[in-house]
Amino acid sequence: MYARYQPSVEVRRLAELQDGVLTREQALGLGVSRHVLQRLVTQGRWQRPLPGVLLTHDQAASWNANAWAGVLHAGAGARLGGYAAAYLGKLVDDPPAKITVLLPHDRGRASCPPWQFVRERSGVRQPGSIGSLPRTTIDDTVLDLASDRFRDGRRQTPVHWVTTAVQRNLTTPARLRRAVNARARLVGRHELMALLADTDAGAESPLEVCYLNDVERAHGLPVGERQVRVDQRGVRRRRDVRYRKYRLLVELDGELGHAGTARFRDFIRDNAALLDGEATLRYGWHDVTQQGCAVALQVAEMLIRGGWTGTPTRCAHCPTGSVRAKG
């Protein structure tokens, strides 16, 4: 009859730092014998999720524990990438089902659910890893996802990744631009650089980028101020687009619609602007993406009422006679 094994303080401390996961070598190095390790696994007190990796309890593994298992199994220099790095970097809200682990190019590991092991060449991404769970930097993570480097069936557009990262204050357009320039090869490089210029101009969401390019620029409208704080009836409010000279505000709502108190807050904000002499036009995703020319015409008419002396430009998609084209 064997005495029940009680982990030492050192074993418990390291396991706690790694969400309950140890490598076989770590356990041996902390004084746990091979026979004890085998007995713990055989008895079901510990688990072996991957070769050479041990989970130091008999409960279901958490997402973080599985992430640690993948990184430790891959060995020195391994780190999380793709959606896994995006989740830890707060770029996405939900943990992905697939855990992508990057490892040095001269090493191989067989992928098996939930782990995807991907060899990476040195010099492509910033060499350092960040966080207690090693992962790619937020800038490299954004570029990987924007170029669809790690496919997992839920592709988002580059606009989504860039604007989300900037809007959440995870990075800046300048940092992303440096990351783009640091890569010798990058799918969609020119599009990303143009997108970063739009973000620099103040567009903070896919809808705002679309409005900037497909409504404002495409139809020769004045350039509005973006994400400005407006003092309305003694209350500071943030507005998406403001044409200050022409007393016009444009609000862009990427959701399908507000409900409850949020919608009433929109009414109150719009009414406060009107009382201060500024009209508000409000558009949603379908308006801007599917009816951009009609949106441009409405904005142009309000700008003209406010004193704009220009003329909107007809874009390639405008119906004949829908706007008074220049020239």
C-alpha atoms as a PDB file:
ATOM      1  CA  MET A   1       0.000   0.000   0.000  1.00  0.00           C
ATOM      2  CA  TYR A   2       1.520   3.287  -1.124  1.00  0.00           C
ATOM      3  CA  ALA A   3       1.333   6.426   0.998  1.00  0.00           C
ATOM      4  CA  ARG A   4      -0.864   9.056  -0.611  1.00  0.00           C
ATOM      5  CA  TYR A   5       1.287  11.534  -2.506  1.00  0.00           C
ATOM      6  CA  GLN A   6       1.147  15.122  -1.313  1.00  0.00           C
ATOM      7  CA  PRO A   7       2.678  17.666  -3.736  1.00  0.00           C
ATOM      8  CA  SER A   8       5.449  19.808  -2.310  1.00  0.00           C
ATOM      9  CA  VAL A   9       5.126  23.574  -1.989  1.00  0.00           C
ATOM     10  CA  GLU A  10       7.370  23.978  -5.052  1.00  0.00           C
ATOM     11  CA  VAL A  11       5.215  21.643  -7.157  1.00  0.00           C
ATOM     12  CA  ARG A  12       2.008  23.380  -6.089  1.00  0.00           C
ATOM     13  CA  ARG A  13       3.480  26.837  -6.744  1.00  0.00           C
ATOM     14  CA  LEU A  14       4.653  26.032 -10.290  1.00  0.00           C
ATOM     15  CA  ALA A  15       1.424  24.211 -11.130  1.00  0.00           C
ATOM     16  CA  GLU A  16      -0.579  27.215  -9.938  1.00  0.00           C
ATOM     17  CA  LEU A  17       1.444  29.541 -12.170  1.00  0.00           C
ATOM     18  CA  GLN A  18       0.672  27.285 -15.160  1.00  0.00           C
ATOM     19  CA  ASP A  19      -3.039  26.719 -14.490  1.00  0.00           C
ATOM     20  CA  GLY A  20      -2.470  23.275 -13.032  1.00  0.00           C
ATOM     21  CA  VAL A  21      -0.161  22.046 -15.804  1.00  0.00           C
ATOM     22  CA  LEU A  22       3.401  20.720 -15.518  1.00  0.00           C
ATOM     23  CA  THR A  23       5.753  19.013 -17.915  1.00  0.00           C
ATOM     24  CA  ARG A  24       7.145  15.643 -16.940  1.00  0.00           C
ATOM     25  CA  GLU A  25      10.626  17.176 -16.783  1.00  0.00           C
ATOM     26  CA  GLN A  26       9.430  19.958 -14.469  1.00  0.00           C
ATOM     27  CA  ALA A  27       7.862  17.448 -12.090  1.00  0.00           C
ATOM     28  CA  LEU A  28      10.965  15.277 -12.074  1.00  0.00           C
ATOM     29  CA  GLY A  29      13.128  18.322 -11.489  1.00  0.00           C
ATOM     30  CA  LEU A  30      11.031  19.193  -8.432  1.00  0.00           C
ATOM     31  CA  GLY A  31      11.587  15.794  -6.885  1.00  0.00           C
ATOM     32  CA  VAL A  32       8.565  13.783  -8.033  1.00  0.00           C
ATOM     33  CA  SER A  33       9.764  10.301  -8.996  1.00  0.00           C
ATOM     34  CA  ARG A  34       8.851   8.516 -12.227  1.00  0.00           C
ATOM     35  CA  HIS A  35       7.006   5.850 -10.274  1.00  0.00           C
ATOM     36  CA  VAL A  36       4.901   8.430  -8.433  1.00  0.00           C
ATOM     37  CA  LEU A  37       4.024  10.200 -11.711  1.00  0.00           C
ATOM     38  CA  GLN A  38       2.955   6.919 -13.291  1.00  0.00           C
ATOM     39  CA  ARG A  39       0.864   6.006 -10.260  1.00  0.00           C
ATOM     40  CA  LEU A  40      -0.853   9.419 -10.166  1.00  0.00           C
ATOM     41  CA  VAL A  41      -1.875   9.082 -13.816  1.00  0.00           C
ATOM     42  CA  THR A  42      -2.902   5.426 -13.485  1.00  0.00           C
ATOM     43  CA  GLN A  43      -5.069   6.227 -10.467  1.00  0.00           C
ATOM     44  CA  GLY A  44      -6.691   9.106 -12.327  1.00  0.00           C
ATOM     45  CA  ARG A  45      -5.574  11.724  -9.824  1.00  0.00           C
ATOM     46  CA  TRP A  46      -3.483  13.437 -12.505  1.00  0.00           C
ATOM     47  CA  GLN A  47      -4.036  13.453 -16.259  1.00  0.00           C
ATOM     48  CA  ARG A  48      -1.812  13.331 -19.351  1.00  0.00           C
ATOM     49  CA  PRO A  49      -3.464  15.581 -21.997  1.00  0.00           C
ATOM     50  CA  LEU A  50      -0.419  15.450 -24.282  1.00  0.00           C
ATOM     51  CA  PRO A  51       2.831  13.453 -24.320  1.00  0.00           C
ATOM     52  CA  GLY A  52       5.172  14.780 -21.653  1.00  0.00           C
ATOM     53  CA  VAL A  53       2.488  17.049 -20.156  1.00  0.00           C
ATOM     54  CA  LEU A  54       0.594  16.520 -16.901  1.00  0.00           C
ATOM     55  CA  LEU A  55      -2.572  18.074 -15.509  1.00  0.00           C
ATOM     56  CA  THR A  56      -2.231  17.994 -11.732  1.00  0.00           C
ATOM     57  CA  HIS A  57      -5.867  17.258 -10.882  1.00  0.00           C
ATOM     58  CA  ASP A  58      -8.725  15.002 -11.996  1.00  0.00           C
ATOM     59  CA  GLN A  59     -11.145  17.720 -13.138  1.00  0.00           C
ATOM     60  CA  ALA A  60     -11.913  18.872 -16.675  1.00  0.00           C
ATOM     61  CA  ALA A  61      -9.170  21.122 -18.035  1.00  0.00           C
ATOM     62  CA  SER A  62      -9.933  24.829 -18.312  1.00  0.00           C
ATOM     63  CA  TRP A  63      -9.227  26.687 -21.541  1.00  0.00           C
ATOM     64  CA  ASN A  64      -6.127  28.251 -19.991  1.00  0.00           C
ATOM     65  CA  ALA A  65      -4.921  24.845 -18.834  1.00  0.00           C
ATOM     66  CA  ASN A  66      -5.261  23.469 -22.361  1.00  0.00           C
ATOM     67  CA  ALA A  67      -3.419  26.514 -23.672  1.00  0.00           C
ATOM     68  CA  TRP A  68      -0.576  25.878 -21.224  1.00  0.00           C
ATOM     69  CA  ALA A  69      -0.532  22.202 -22.178  1.00  0.00           C
ATOM     70  CA  GLY A  70      -0.096  23.101 -25.838  1.00  0.00           C
ATOM     71  CA  VAL A  71       2.690  25.620 -25.196  1.00  0.00           C
ATOM     72  CA  LEU A  72       4.573  23.301 -22.824  1.00  0.00           C
ATOM     73  CA  HIS A  73       4.207  20.342 -25.186  1.00  0.00           C
ATOM     74  CA  ALA A  74       5.642  22.425 -28.042  1.00  0.00           C
ATOM     75  CA  GLY A  75       8.737  23.254 -25.989  1.00  0.00           C
ATOM     76  CA  ALA A  76      11.078  26.211 -25.611  1.00  0.00           C
ATOM     77  CA  GLY A  77      10.234  29.210 -27.782  1.00  0.00           C
ATOM     78  CA  ALA A  78       6.620  28.162 -28.337  1.00  0.00           C
ATOM     79  CA  ARG A  79       3.781  30.664 -27.941  1.00  0.00           C
ATOM     80  CA  LEU A  80       0.108  31.082 -28.674  1.00  0.00           C
ATOM     81  CA  GLY A  81      -0.970  32.723 -31.916  1.00  0.00           C
ATOM     82  CA  GLY A  82      -4.078  33.481 -33.928  1.00  0.00           C
ATOM     83  CA  TYR A  83      -7.419  33.540 -32.122  1.00  0.00           C
ATOM     84  CA  ALA A  84      -5.856  32.114 -28.950  1.00  0.00           C
ATOM     85  CA  ALA A  85      -3.488  35.090 -28.713  1.00  0.00           C
ATOM     86  CA  ALA A  86      -6.370  37.408 -29.647  1.00  0.00           C
ATOM     87  CA  TYR A  87      -8.450  36.065 -26.753  1.00  0.00           C
ATOM     88  CA  LEU A  88      -5.680  36.544 -24.200  1.00  0.00           C
ATOM     89  CA  GLY A  89      -4.953  39.990 -25.646  1.00  0.00           C
ATOM     90  CA  LYS A  90      -8.642  40.973 -25.244  1.00  0.00           C
ATOM     91  CA  LEU A  91      -9.109  41.383 -28.991  1.00  0.00           C
ATOM     92  CA  VAL A  92     -11.919  38.798 -28.917  1.00  0.00           C
ATOM     93  CA  ASP A  93     -14.266  38.116 -26.020  1.00  0.00           C
ATOM     94  CA  ASP A  94     -14.757  34.347 -26.202  1.00  0.00           C
ATOM     95  CA  PRO A  95     -12.097  31.620 -26.015  1.00  0.00           C
ATOM     96  CA  PRO A  96     -11.684  29.839 -29.351  1.00  0.00           C
ATOM     97  CA  ALA A  97     -12.308  26.130 -29.709  1.00  0.00           C
ATOM     98  CA  LYS A  98      -9.019  25.752 -31.581  1.00  0.00           C
ATOM     99  CA  ILE A  99      -5.837  26.669 -29.696  1.00  0.00           C
ATOM    100  CA  THR A 100      -3.103  27.716 -32.120  1.00  0.00           C
ATOM    101  CA  VAL A 101       0.447  27.187 -30.868  1.00  0.00           C
ATOM    102  CA  LEU A 102       3.423  28.569 -32.794  1.00  0.00           C
ATOM    103  CA  LEU A 103       6.744  26.765 -32.474  1.00  0.00           C
ATOM    104  CA  PRO A 104      10.191  27.152 -34.032  1.00  0.00           C
ATOM    105  CA  HIS A 105      10.348  26.088 -37.662  1.00  0.00           C
ATOM    106  CA  ASP A 106      12.887  23.321 -37.041  1.00  0.00           C
ATOM    107  CA  ARG A 107      10.515  21.527 -34.669  1.00  0.00           C
ATOM    108  CA  GLY A 108       7.329  19.617 -35.411  1.00  0.00           C
ATOM    109  CA  ARG A 109       4.310  18.572 -33.395  1.00  0.00           C
ATOM    110  CA  ALA A 110       1.250  16.691 -34.599  1.00  0.00           C
ATOM    111  CA  SER A 111      -1.957  18.722 -34.300  1.00  0.00           C
ATOM    112  CA  CYS A 112      -4.914  17.177 -32.476  1.00  0.00           C
ATOM    113  CA  PRO A 113      -8.082  18.815 -31.100  1.00  0.00           C
ATOM    114  CA  PRO A 114      -8.109  21.336 -29.560  1.00  0.00           C
ATOM    115  CA  TRP A 115      -4.483  22.098 -30.500  1.00  0.00           C
ATOM    116  CA  GLN A 116      -3.180  23.353 -33.825  1.00  0.00           C
ATOM    117  CA  PHE A 117       0.620  23.364 -33.940  1.00  0.00           C
ATOM    118  CA  VAL A 118       2.074  25.714 -36.548  1.00  0.00           C
ATOM    119  CA  ARG A 119       5.762  26.133 -37.329  1.00  0.00           C
ATOM    120  CA  GLU A 120       6.865  29.761 -37.682  1.00  0.00           C
ATOM    121  CA  ARG A 121       9.990  31.100 -39.343  1.00  0.00           C
ATOM    122  CA  SER A 122      12.160  33.434 -37.332  1.00  0.00           C
ATOM    123  CA  GLY A 123      11.992  37.093 -38.257  1.00  0.00           C
ATOM    124  CA  VAL A 124       8.369  37.107 -39.430  1.00  0.00           C
ATOM    125  CA  ARG A 125       6.954  38.312 -36.118  1.00  0.00           C
ATOM    126  CA  GLN A 126       8.437  40.166 -33.195  1.00  0.00           C
ATOM    127  CA  PRO A 127      10.671  37.619 -31.448  1.00  0.00           C
ATOM    128  CA  GLY A 128       9.540  38.161 -27.868  1.00  0.00           C
ATOM    129  CA  SER A 129       6.510  36.627 -26.230  1.00  0.00           C
ATOM    130  CA  ILE A 130       4.305  38.496 -23.791  1.00  0.00           C
ATOM    131  CA  GLY A 131       2.141  37.523 -20.850  1.00  0.00           C
ATOM    132  CA  SER A 132       2.392  34.689 -18.358  1.00  0.00           C
ATOM    133  CA  LEU A 133       0.938  32.507 -21.116  1.00  0.00           C
ATOM    134  CA  PRO A 134       3.416  33.183 -23.952  1.00  0.00           C
ATOM    135  CA  ARG A 135       1.731  34.679 -27.018  1.00  0.00           C
ATOM    136  CA  THR A 136       2.352  36.921 -29.996  1.00  0.00           C
ATOM    137  CA  THR A 137       2.104  40.670 -29.511  1.00  0.00           C
ATOM    138  CA  ILE A 138      -1.228  42.327 -30.223  1.00  0.00           C
ATOM    139  CA  ASP A 139       0.204  43.971 -33.365  1.00  0.00           C
ATOM    140  CA  ASP A 140       1.404  40.669 -34.836  1.00  0.00           C
ATOM    141  CA  THR A 141      -1.866  39.041 -33.808  1.00  0.00           C
ATOM    142  CA  VAL A 142      -3.894  41.695 -35.660  1.00  0.00           C
ATOM    143  CA  LEU A 143      -1.779  41.282 -38.812  1.00  0.00           C
ATOM    144  CA  ASP A 144      -2.050  37.484 -38.698  1.00  0.00           C
ATOM    145  CA  LEU A 145      -5.822  37.584 -38.389  1.00  0.00           C
ATOM    146  CA  ALA A 146      -6.243  40.401 -40.918  1.00  0.00           C
ATOM    147  CA  SER A 147      -4.312  38.349 -43.486  1.00  0.00           C
ATOM    148  CA  ASP A 148      -6.305  35.208 -42.544  1.00  0.00           C
ATOM    149  CA  ARG A 149      -3.115  33.417 -41.513  1.00  0.00           C
ATOM    150  CA  PHE A 150      -4.926  31.013 -39.164  1.00  0.00           C
ATOM    151  CA  ARG A 151      -8.232  29.898 -40.641  1.00  0.00           C
ATOM    152  CA  ASP A 152     -10.819  28.532 -38.244  1.00  0.00           C
ATOM    153  CA  GLY A 153     -14.083  29.097 -40.096  1.00  0.00           C
ATOM    154  CA  ARG A 154     -15.038  32.491 -38.707  1.00  0.00           C
ATOM    155  CA  ARG A 155     -13.091  34.949 -40.818  1.00  0.00           C
ATOM    156  CA  GLN A 156     -13.538  38.645 -40.116  1.00  0.00           C
ATOM    157  CA  THR A 157     -12.421  41.460 -42.395  1.00  0.00           C
ATOM    158  CA  PRO A 158      -9.126  43.330 -41.891  1.00  0.00           C
ATOM    159  CA  VAL A 159     -11.242  46.408 -41.106  1.00  0.00           C
ATOM    160  CA  HIS A 160     -12.772  44.546 -38.176  1.00  0.00           C
ATOM    161  CA  TRP A 161      -9.443  43.510 -36.646  1.00  0.00           C
ATOM    162  CA  VAL A 162      -7.735  46.875 -37.049  1.00  0.00           C
ATOM    163  CA  THR A 163     -10.620  49.015 -35.827  1.00  0.00           C
ATOM    164  CA  THR A 164     -11.390  46.679 -32.911  1.00  0.00           C
ATOM    165  CA  ALA A 165      -7.769  46.730 -31.728  1.00  0.00           C
ATOM    166  CA  VAL A 166      -7.576  50.525 -31.938  1.00  0.00           C
ATOM    167  CA  GLN A 167     -11.034  51.134 -30.467  1.00  0.00           C
ATOM    168  CA  ARG A 168     -10.214  48.930 -27.466  1.00  0.00           C
ATOM    169  CA  ASN A 169      -6.952  50.850 -26.932  1.00  0.00           C
ATOM    170  CA  LEU A 170      -4.898  47.700 -27.436  1.00  0.00           C
ATOM    171  CA  THR A 171      -2.606  49.368 -29.961  1.00  0.00           C
ATOM    172  CA  THR A 172      -2.325  52.427 -32.212  1.00  0.00           C
ATOM    173  CA  PRO A 173      -2.265  52.960 -35.984  1.00  0.00           C
ATOM    174  CA  ALA A 174       1.393  54.004 -35.683  1.00  0.00           C
ATOM    175  CA  ARG A 175       2.352  50.750 -33.957  1.00  0.00           C
ATOM    176  CA  LEU A 176       0.443  48.677 -36.495  1.00  0.00           C
ATOM    177  CA  ARG A 177       2.091  50.578 -39.321  1.00  0.00           C
ATOM    178  CA  ARG A 178       5.526  49.737 -37.901  1.00  0.00           C
ATOM    179  CA  ALA A 179       4.504  46.074 -37.650  1.00  0.00           C
ATOM    180  CA  VAL A 180       3.359  46.088 -41.291  1.00  0.00           C
ATOM    181  CA  ASN A 181       6.643  47.650 -42.422  1.00  0.00           C
ATOM    182  CA  ALA A 182       8.608  45.074 -40.420  1.00  0.00           C
ATOM    183  CA  ARG A 183       7.170  42.174 -42.421  1.00  0.00           C
ATOM    184  CA  ALA A 184       8.889  41.293 -45.665  1.00  0.00           C
ATOM    185  CA  ARG A 185       5.807  39.442 -46.909  1.00  0.00           C
ATOM    186  CA  LEU A 186       2.246  40.284 -45.935  1.00  0.00           C
ATOM    187  CA  VAL A 187      -1.011  39.530 -47.724  1.00  0.00           C
ATOM    188  CA  GLY A 188      -3.010  42.726 -48.312  1.00  0.00           C
ATOM    189  CA  ARG A 189      -0.191  45.103 -47.338  1.00  0.00           C
ATOM    190  CA  HIS A 190      -1.450  48.063 -49.419  1.00  0.00           C
ATOM    191  CA  GLU A 191      -5.028  47.646 -48.203  1.00  0.00           C
ATOM    192  CA  LEU A 192      -3.836  47.534 -44.602  1.00  0.00           C
ATOM    193  CA  MET A 193      -1.789  50.712 -45.006  1.00  0.00           C
ATOM    194  CA  ALA A 194      -4.796  52.504 -46.508  1.00  0.00           C
ATOM    195  CA  LEU A 195      -6.958  51.216 -43.670  1.00  0.00           C
ATOM    196  CA  LEU A 196      -4.469  52.507 -41.095  1.00  0.00           C
ATOM    197  CA  ALA A 197      -4.633  55.917 -42.745  1.00  0.00           C
ATOM    198  CA  ASP A 198      -8.428  55.832 -42.332  1.00  0.00           C
ATOM    199  CA  THR A 199      -8.030  54.877 -38.688  1.00  0.00           C
ATOM    200  CA  ASP A 200      -5.563  57.720 -38.219  1.00  0.00           C
ATOM    201  CA  ALA A 201      -8.283  60.002 -39.586  1.00  0.00           C
ATOM    202  CA  GLY A 202     -10.527  58.966 -36.694  1.00  0.00           C
ATOM    203  CA  ALA A 203     -12.617  56.093 -38.102  1.00  0.00           C
ATOM    204  CA  GLU A 204     -12.984  53.625 -35.235  1.00  0.00           C
ATOM    205  CA  SER A 205     -15.308  50.930 -36.573  1.00  0.00           C
ATOM    206  CA  PRO A 206     -15.952  49.094 -39.854  1.00  0.00           C
ATOM    207  CA  LEU A 207     -19.062  51.233 -40.372  1.00  0.00           C
ATOM    208  CA  GLU A 208     -17.130  54.466 -39.848  1.00  0.00           C
ATOM    209  CA  VAL A 209     -14.453  53.356 -42.313  1.00  0.00           C
ATOM    210  CA  CYS A 210     -17.181  52.553 -44.835  1.00  0.00           C
ATOM    211  CA  TYR A 211     -18.835  55.957 -44.323  1.00  0.00           C
ATOM    212  CA  LEU A 212     -15.490  57.750 -44.712  1.00  0.00           C
ATOM    213  CA  ASN A 213     -14.660  56.014 -48.015  1.00  0.00           C
ATOM    214  CA  ASP A 214     -17.995  55.155 -49.653  1.00  0.00           C
ATOM    215  CA  VAL A 215     -20.020  58.183 -48.572  1.00  0.00           C
ATOM    216  CA  GLU A 216     -17.784  61.116 -47.734  1.00  0.00           C
ATOM    217  CA  ARG A 217     -14.767  60.644 -50.021  1.00  0.00           C
ATOM    218  CA  ALA A 218     -16.588  58.905 -52.878  1.00  0.00           C
ATOM    219  CA  HIS A 219     -19.037  61.803 -53.187  1.00  0.00           C
ATOM    220  CA  GLY A 220     -16.713  64.733 -52.630  1.00  0.00           C
ATOM    221  CA  LEU A 221     -18.247  65.818 -49.332  1.00  0.00           C
ATOM    222  CA  PRO A 222     -16.391  67.981 -46.826  1.00  0.00           C
ATOM    223  CA  VAL A 223     -14.184  66.148 -44.345  1.00  0.00           C
ATOM    224  CA  GLY A 224     -15.896  65.860 -40.977  1.00  0.00           C
ATOM    225  CA  GLU A 225     -14.312  65.800 -37.535  1.00  0.00           C
ATOM    226  CA  ARG A 226     -14.418  62.324 -36.020  1.00  0.00           C
ATOM    227  CA  GLN A 227     -14.985  61.086 -32.491  1.00  0.00           C
ATOM    228  CA  VAL A 228     -15.284  64.618 -31.138  1.00  0.00           C
ATOM    229  CA  ARG A 229     -16.545  65.687 -27.727  1.00  0.00           C
ATOM    230  CA  VAL A 230     -19.414  68.138 -28.107  1.00  0.00           C
ATOM    231  CA  ASP A 231     -20.741  70.289 -25.253  1.00  0.00           C
ATOM    232  CA  GLN A 232     -24.540  70.035 -25.510  1.00  0.00           C
ATOM    233  CA  ARG A 233     -26.663  71.775 -22.917  1.00  0.00           C
ATOM    234  CA  GLY A 234     -23.840  71.507 -20.388  1.00  0.00           C
ATOM    235  CA  VAL A 235     -23.167  67.801 -21.041  1.00  0.00           C
ATOM    236  CA  ARG A 236     -20.104  66.516 -22.899  1.00  0.00           C
ATOM    237  CA  ARG A 237     -21.126  63.968 -25.519  1.00  0.00           C
ATOM    238  CA  ARG A 238     -19.075  62.044 -28.049  1.00  0.00           C
ATOM    239  CA  ARG A 239     -20.246  62.266 -31.669  1.00  0.00           C
ATOM    240  CA  ASP A 240     -19.145  60.085 -34.586  1.00  0.00           C
ATOM    241  CA  VAL A 241     -18.867  62.748 -37.299  1.00  0.00           C
ATOM    242  CA  ARG A 242     -19.267  66.498 -36.941  1.00  0.00           C
ATOM    243  CA  TYR A 243     -19.382  69.097 -39.699  1.00  0.00           C
ATOM    244  CA  ARG A 244     -18.914  71.995 -37.318  1.00  0.00           C
ATOM    245  CA  LYS A 245     -19.024  74.791 -39.924  1.00  0.00           C
ATOM    246  CA  TYR A 246     -22.319  73.514 -41.330  1.00  0.00           C
ATOM    247  CA  ARG A 247     -23.986  72.672 -38.005  1.00  0.00           C
ATOM    248  CA  LEU A 248     -24.457  69.000 -38.854  1.00  0.00           C
ATOM    249  CA  LEU A 249     -23.792  65.801 -36.888  1.00  0.00           C
ATOM    250  CA  VAL A 250     -23.789  62.271 -38.305  1.00  0.00           C
ATOM    251  CA  GLU A 251     -24.240  59.293 -35.991  1.00  0.00           C
ATOM    252  CA  LEU A 252     -23.358  55.784 -37.178  1.00  0.00           C
ATOM    253  CA  ASP A 253     -24.832  52.756 -35.454  1.00  0.00           C
ATOM    254  CA  GLY A 254     -23.255  49.433 -36.390  1.00  0.00           C
ATOM    255  CA  GLU A 255     -25.801  47.447 -34.375  1.00  0.00           C
ATOM    256  CA  LEU A 256     -29.066  46.262 -35.877  1.00  0.00           C
ATOM    257  CA  GLY A 257     -30.801  48.710 -33.577  1.00  0.00           C
ATOM    258  CA  HIS A 258     -30.828  50.073 -30.078  1.00  0.00           C
ATOM    259  CA  ALA A 259     -33.459  49.034 -27.599  1.00  0.00           C
ATOM    260  CA  GLY A 260     -34.832  50.318 -24.345  1.00  0.00           C
ATOM    261  CA  THR A 261     -32.974  53.071 -22.529  1.00  0.00           C
ATOM    262  CA  ALA A 262     -30.154  53.141 -25.097  1.00  0.00           C
ATOM    263  CA  ARG A 263     -32.570  54.229 -27.817  1.00  0.00           C
ATOM    264  CA  PHE A 264     -34.049  56.927 -25.604  1.00  0.00           C
ATOM    265  CA  ARG A 265     -30.533  58.188 -24.863  1.00  0.00           C
ATOM    266  CA  ASP A 266     -30.087  58.589 -28.633  1.00  0.00           C
ATOM    267  CA  PHE A 267     -33.275  60.658 -28.802  1.00  0.00           C
ATOM    268  CA  ILE A 268     -32.189  62.854 -25.911  1.00  0.00           C
ATOM    269  CA  ARG A 269     -28.751  63.388 -27.442  1.00  0.00           C
ATOM    270  CA  ASP A 270     -30.186  64.259 -30.866  1.00  0.00           C
ATOM    271  CA  ASN A 271     -32.739  66.614 -29.349  1.00  0.00           C
ATOM    272  CA  ALA A 272     -30.041  68.356 -27.312  1.00  0.00           C
ATOM    273  CA  ALA A 273     -28.006  68.889 -30.482  1.00  0.00           C
ATOM    274  CA  LEU A 274     -31.043  70.328 -32.272  1.00  0.00           C
ATOM    275  CA  LEU A 275     -31.669  72.737 -29.413  1.00  0.00           C
ATOM    276  CA  ASP A 276     -28.071  73.903 -29.806  1.00  0.00           C
ATOM    277  CA  GLY A 277     -28.606  74.474 -33.526  1.00  0.00           C
ATOM    278  CA  GLU A 278     -27.031  71.291 -34.892  1.00  0.00           C
ATOM    279  CA  ALA A 279     -29.097  68.778 -36.848  1.00  0.00           C
ATOM    280  CA  THR A 280     -28.383  65.037 -36.509  1.00  0.00           C
ATOM    281  CA  LEU A 281     -28.552  62.437 -39.262  1.00  0.00           C
ATOM    282  CA  ARG A 282     -28.411  58.844 -38.037  1.00  0.00           C
ATOM    283  CA  TYR A 283     -27.516  55.823 -40.183  1.00  0.00           C
ATOM    284  CA  GLY A 284     -27.091  52.098 -39.653  1.00  0.00           C
ATOM    285  CA  TRP A 285     -25.035  49.381 -41.304  1.00  0.00           C
ATOM    286  CA  HIS A 286     -27.502  48.673 -44.134  1.00  0.00           C
ATOM    287  CA  ASP A 287     -27.874  52.389 -44.948  1.00  0.00           C
ATOM    288  CA  VAL A 288     -24.156  53.011 -45.360  1.00  0.00           C
ATOM    289  CA  THR A 289     -23.140  49.717 -46.978  1.00  0.00           C
ATOM    290  CA  GLN A 290     -26.136  49.224 -49.286  1.00  0.00           C
ATOM    291  CA  GLN A 291     -27.431  52.741 -49.881  1.00  0.00           C
ATOM    292  CA  GLY A 292     -24.299  54.859 -49.603  1.00  0.00           C
ATOM    293  CA  CYS A 293     -25.254  57.109 -52.512  1.00  0.00           C
ATOM    294  CA  ALA A 294     -28.639  57.940 -50.954  1.00  0.00           C
ATOM    295  CA  VAL A 295     -26.904  58.644 -47.642  1.00  0.00           C
ATOM    296  CA  ALA A 296     -24.438  60.940 -49.394  1.00  0.00           C
ATOM    297  CA  LEU A 297     -27.295  62.832 -51.045  1.00  0.00           C
ATOM    298  CA  GLN A 298     -29.049  63.396 -47.722  1.00  0.00           C
ATOM    299  CA  VAL A 299     -25.846  64.539 -46.041  1.00  0.00           C
ATOM    300  CA  ALA A 300     -25.059  66.832 -48.966  1.00  0.00           C
ATOM    301  CA  GLU A 301     -28.509  68.430 -48.818  1.00  0.00           C
ATOM    302  CA  MET A 302     -28.121  69.127 -45.093  1.00  0.00           C
ATOM    303  CA  LEU A 303     -24.624  70.529 -45.654  1.00  0.00           C
ATOM    304  CA  ILE A 304     -25.968  72.854 -48.352  1.00  0.00           C
ATOM    305  CA  ARG A 305     -28.683  74.023 -45.958  1.00  0.00           C
ATOM    306  CA  GLY A 306     -25.898  74.765 -43.499  1.00  0.00           C
ATOM    307  CA  GLY A 307     -24.010  76.903 -45.991  1.00  0.00           C
ATOM    308  CA  TRP A 308     -21.846  74.507 -47.959  1.00  0.00           C
ATOM    309  CA  THR A 309     -21.343  75.911 -51.459  1.00  0.00           C
ATOM    310  CA  GLY A 310     -19.820  72.763 -52.947  1.00  0.00           C
ATOM    311  CA  THR A 311     -21.428  70.119 -55.138  1.00  0.00           C
ATOM    312  CA  PRO A 312     -21.441  66.384 -54.397  1.00  0.00           C
ATOM    313  CA  THR A 313     -19.598  64.152 -56.846  1.00  0.00           C
ATOM    314  CA  ARG A 314     -21.361  61.230 -58.525  1.00  0.00           C
ATOM    315  CA  CYS A 315     -19.515  57.978 -57.798  1.00  0.00           C
ATOM    316  CA  ALA A 316     -19.471  54.931 -60.075  1.00  0.00           C
ATOM    317  CA  HIS A 317     -22.493  53.471 -58.262  1.00  0.00           C
ATOM    318  CA  CYS A 318     -24.724  56.549 -58.233  1.00  0.00           C
ATOM    319  CA  PRO A 319     -27.953  56.278 -60.260  1.00  0.00           C
ATOM    320  CA  THR A 320     -28.123  58.793 -63.086  1.00  0.00           C
ATOM    321  CA  GLY A 321     -29.463  62.101 -61.871  1.00  0.00           C
ATOM    322  CA  SER A 322     -29.214  61.168 -58.198  1.00  0.00           C
ATOM    323  CA  VAL A 323     -26.702  63.932 -57.472  1.00  0.00           C
ATOM    324  CA  ARG A 324     -25.584  67.076 -59.198  1.00  0.00           C
ATOM    325  CA  ALA A 325     -22.207  65.919 -60.425  1.00  0.00           C
ATOM    326  CA  LYS A 326     -19.248  68.271 -60.611  1.00  0.00           C
ATOM    327  CA  GLY A 327     -18.123  69.225 -64.063  1.00  0.00           C
END
